[in-house]
Amino acid sequence: MPSRKLRLVHELCHSRASLERRASTALGTRSTKVIPCRNVPAVRSVKFILAYSLGLIRDSHARRHTMFYTTLASVMLLFIGSVLIDRVLREHPLWFVAWWGLCAWLMVASLLLALFDILMIRSAARKARRDLARKVLAQEPDDHPS
């Protein structure tokens, strides 16, 4: 039985193929060529990205590890770019923009993961509070010691 992630990728691939067929019909090209999902490298990368994203959303341990390593990589890029290869980056404006863009992208990704983690923690705490309140309110008055 295929997992939920594989079903999502399969549905994505088939919906893309049906959209291509509808678009070709609407444009009057009548192309019936359908690329199989297994042979398209982009589908494999989409499959990996979906699986990795679902893993990060569901698993707090993986999310925190990813936050740690993206922050570490960003700090290392900051140090290397400002101390070791500063002169080279200043001589080549394109490299300068690419280097600091990568550093900023990693830091923004880390901050967004941290924000998502905070929201997940707050959501879990709110759920635990509601469950505790239901449990306390569901107890009969005889259960309470006087």
Protein backbone atom coordinates (compact mmCIF):
# COMPACT_ATOMS: atom_id res chain seq x y z
CA MET A 1 0.00 0.00 0.00
CA PRO A 2 1.59 3.31 -1.01
CA SER A 3 2.31 5.87 1.66
CA ARG A 4 0.51 9.19 1.85
CA LYS A 5 3.55 11.07 0.51
CA LEU A 6 3.79 8.85 -2.54
CA ARG A 7 0.07 9.26 -3.17
CA LEU A 8 0.46 13.06 -3.03
CA VAL A 9 3.32 12.97 -5.53
CA HIS A 10 1.36 10.60 -7.77
CA GLU A 11 -1.69 12.88 -7.67
CA LEU A 12 0.52 15.89 -8.38
CA CYS A 13 2.06 14.20 -11.39
CA HIS A 14 -1.25 13.05 -12.81
CA SER A 15 -2.93 16.40 -12.22
CA ARG A 16 -0.03 18.03 -14.09
CA ALA A 17 -0.50 15.63 -16.99
CA SER A 18 -4.25 16.27 -17.12
CA LEU A 19 -3.64 20.03 -17.01
CA GLU A 20 -1.21 19.70 -19.92
CA ARG A 21 -3.80 17.72 -21.88
CA ARG A 22 -6.51 20.31 -21.16
CA ALA A 23 -4.19 23.17 -22.12
CA SER A 24 -3.18 21.50 -25.37
CA THR A 25 -6.84 20.83 -26.18
CA ALA A 26 -7.78 24.43 -25.42
CA LEU A 27 -4.97 25.70 -27.61
CA GLY A 28 -5.99 23.34 -30.38
CA THR A 29 -2.67 21.47 -30.54
CA ARG A 30 -4.23 18.15 -29.54
CA SER A 31 -0.97 16.76 -28.19
CA THR A 32 -1.55 13.40 -26.54
CA LYS A 33 2.07 12.94 -25.49
CA VAL A 34 2.17 12.29 -21.76
CA ILE A 35 5.49 12.03 -20.00
CA PRO A 36 5.52 9.16 -17.49
CA CYS A 37 6.17 10.29 -13.93
CA ARG A 38 8.97 7.86 -13.24
CA ASN A 39 11.21 9.14 -16.01
CA VAL A 40 11.02 12.84 -15.24
CA PRO A 41 13.90 14.07 -13.02
CA ALA A 42 11.84 17.08 -11.91
CA VAL A 43 9.22 14.77 -10.40
CA ARG A 44 11.92 13.02 -8.38
CA SER A 45 13.14 16.35 -7.02
CA VAL A 46 9.56 17.43 -6.30
CA LYS A 47 9.02 14.10 -4.54
CA PHE A 48 12.13 14.68 -2.42
CA ILE A 49 11.15 18.26 -1.59
CA LEU A 50 7.62 17.18 -0.59
CA ALA A 51 8.91 14.33 1.57
CA TYR A 52 11.52 16.54 3.23
CA SER A 53 9.02 19.35 3.83
CA LEU A 54 6.47 16.98 5.36
CA GLY A 55 9.20 15.55 7.57
CA LEU A 56 10.17 19.02 8.79
CA ILE A 57 6.58 19.97 9.45
CA ARG A 58 5.76 16.84 11.41
CA ASP A 59 9.02 16.05 13.23
CA SER A 60 10.23 18.65 15.70
CA HIS A 61 13.58 16.88 16.13
CA ALA A 62 14.34 17.11 12.39
CA ARG A 63 13.09 20.70 12.31
CA ARG A 64 15.43 21.70 15.13
CA HIS A 65 18.37 19.91 13.56
CA THR A 66 17.71 21.73 10.30
CA MET A 67 17.48 25.05 12.16
CA PHE A 68 20.80 24.35 13.85
CA TYR A 69 22.63 23.43 10.67
CA THR A 70 21.20 26.31 8.62
CA THR A 71 22.18 28.76 11.36
CA LEU A 72 25.64 27.19 11.61
CA ALA A 73 26.12 27.38 7.84
CA SER A 74 24.97 31.00 7.81
CA VAL A 75 27.38 31.98 10.60
CA MET A 76 30.22 30.14 8.84
CA LEU A 77 29.43 31.94 5.58
CA LEU A 78 29.32 35.22 7.48
CA PHE A 79 32.76 34.60 9.00
CA ILE A 80 34.35 33.34 5.79
CA GLY A 81 32.86 36.14 3.72
CA SER A 82 33.80 38.94 6.09
CA VAL A 83 37.25 37.72 7.15
CA LEU A 84 38.77 35.27 4.69
CA ILE A 85 37.49 36.19 1.24
CA ASP A 86 36.36 39.78 1.78
CA ARG A 87 38.78 41.19 -0.79
CA VAL A 88 37.75 38.69 -3.48
CA LEU A 89 34.06 39.38 -2.90
CA ARG A 90 34.58 43.14 -3.16
CA GLU A 91 36.42 42.74 -6.48
CA HIS A 92 33.58 40.70 -8.04
CA PRO A 93 30.18 42.31 -7.45
CA LEU A 94 28.23 39.31 -8.75
CA TRP A 95 29.98 36.95 -6.36
CA PHE A 96 29.44 39.49 -3.58
CA VAL A 97 25.67 39.56 -4.17
CA ALA A 98 25.48 35.77 -4.57
CA TRP A 99 27.52 35.12 -1.39
CA TRP A 100 25.57 37.48 0.85
CA GLY A 101 22.29 36.46 -0.77
CA LEU A 102 23.00 32.83 0.12
CA CYS A 103 23.93 33.85 3.66
CA ALA A 104 20.73 35.88 4.03
CA TRP A 105 18.60 33.10 2.51
CA LEU A 106 19.97 30.56 5.01
CA MET A 107 19.33 32.90 7.92
CA VAL A 108 15.78 33.68 6.77
CA ALA A 109 15.11 29.94 6.35
CA SER A 110 16.39 29.34 9.87
CA LEU A 111 14.25 32.17 11.27
CA LEU A 112 11.14 30.91 9.50
CA LEU A 113 11.73 27.40 10.85
CA ALA A 114 12.16 28.87 14.34
CA LEU A 115 8.94 30.85 14.00
CA PHE A 116 7.11 27.74 12.81
CA ASP A 117 8.56 25.77 15.74
CA ILE A 118 7.35 28.42 18.20
CA LEU A 119 3.86 28.27 16.68
CA MET A 120 3.83 24.47 16.89
CA ILE A 121 4.91 24.59 20.55
CA ARG A 122 2.18 27.12 21.36
CA SER A 123 -0.38 25.00 19.53
CA ALA A 124 0.66 21.87 21.45
CA ALA A 125 0.50 23.76 24.76
CA ARG A 126 -2.97 25.11 23.91
CA LYS A 127 -4.17 21.59 23.05
CA ALA A 128 -2.72 20.20 26.29
CA ARG A 129 -4.48 22.97 28.27
CA ARG A 130 -7.82 22.19 26.60
CA ASP A 131 -7.41 18.45 27.23
CA LEU A 132 -6.57 19.09 30.87
CA ALA A 133 -9.56 21.40 31.28
CA ARG A 134 -11.87 18.79 29.73
CA LYS A 135 -10.43 16.11 32.00
CA VAL A 136 -10.89 18.25 35.12
CA LEU A 137 -14.40 19.34 34.17
CA ALA A 138 -15.41 15.77 33.31
CA GLN A 139 -14.60 14.53 36.81
CA GLU A 140 -17.52 14.13 39.12
CA PRO A 141 -17.66 16.22 42.31
CA ASP A 142 -17.33 13.03 44.44
CA ASP A 143 -13.83 12.47 43.11
CA HIS A 144 -12.48 15.64 44.72
CA PRO A 145 -11.12 15.29 48.24
CA SER A 146 -12.56 17.83 50.67
